[in-house]
């Protein structure tokens, strides 16, 4: 009770102003897992979520500033789909937030308008593109850990996991690490928080979770990954049952791209490794004219199966990955 009284008294005037603003505008803010969210989608939103590349990162916020100041400010740049303010236990903000817009153009306008914007005298905020990290690395795993067991354990305590890929640890003998791919940055961040708080017990005393470092990612991609027993193992892509009609997947993807005012995707696939059991490791890249970055990844394809060529199968997985990035799935 004393702790609650103490936290309620921190920044009391600003909290009251926020409550009055919520009542006046009818806006509903939902606080969960250390962040407070508006929208996702907001009231009156029609259609699916915005495509990738529409979120900005906002930093150097004064800790006593809340949504009654920030949301009206960032709505000037364009239509907000979602606004997330990171919060401390005491009720102050953690100094940063994320704003997701209806379009990339709106997000770009927000960066142009509000990067180094003087929110207060002597307090210029930072606004830039959100990095949208979606991959975690779980290190310190024993050599006996299996991919399916690990994924089942993770699914019990985290949401939005797309794939789990096991690797030999580059720095520890007789140890393994796992790369965990989540459907969004938000899902990955919540998973990281849950795992750091020890909500996933795998009998590993020194298990550690962190964001996947680009240099470690590149090093792991040069090493042989462990193929699973399914037809496809995607270190960068969701596992999918094959065969699946390439034409059907491409039709869905083309329709979605046209919906977002993007042009027909261009695919590149290349076999980069074959292991002794006949599994083939493919690299793929999908370029969507009108989008700001290509989408790429790796996968393992089984030697079994007839009908589709390996390149057609790789295109199916690549197309499903792009659908996932754009917010849809089959």
Foldseek 3Di string as FASTA:
>chain_A
DVLLVQLCPVLVVLVVVVVVLCVVVVWDWDDDDQKIKGAPAHPPDDDFAAFPQQKKKKFQDDFSDDCSLVVVVLCVLDAWRMKMFGHDPSGTTPGMIMTGHNYNNSLVSSQVPQAQNCPDVVGRMHMGTDPWFFKKKKWQAALPDDQVVVVVLLVVFAPFWQAKWKDCDPPDPRIIMIMIGGLTSVRRVSSQVCVVVPVRDDPRPPIHMDGDDPVVVVVRVVDDIDDDPAFKHWPLFGDDHDDDDLVVLQVVLQVLCVVSVWHRKDKDKDFDDADPQGKTKMKMWIDIHVDDDIDIGIMIGHPDDDDDDPVSVVSSRVSQSSCSSRPHHD
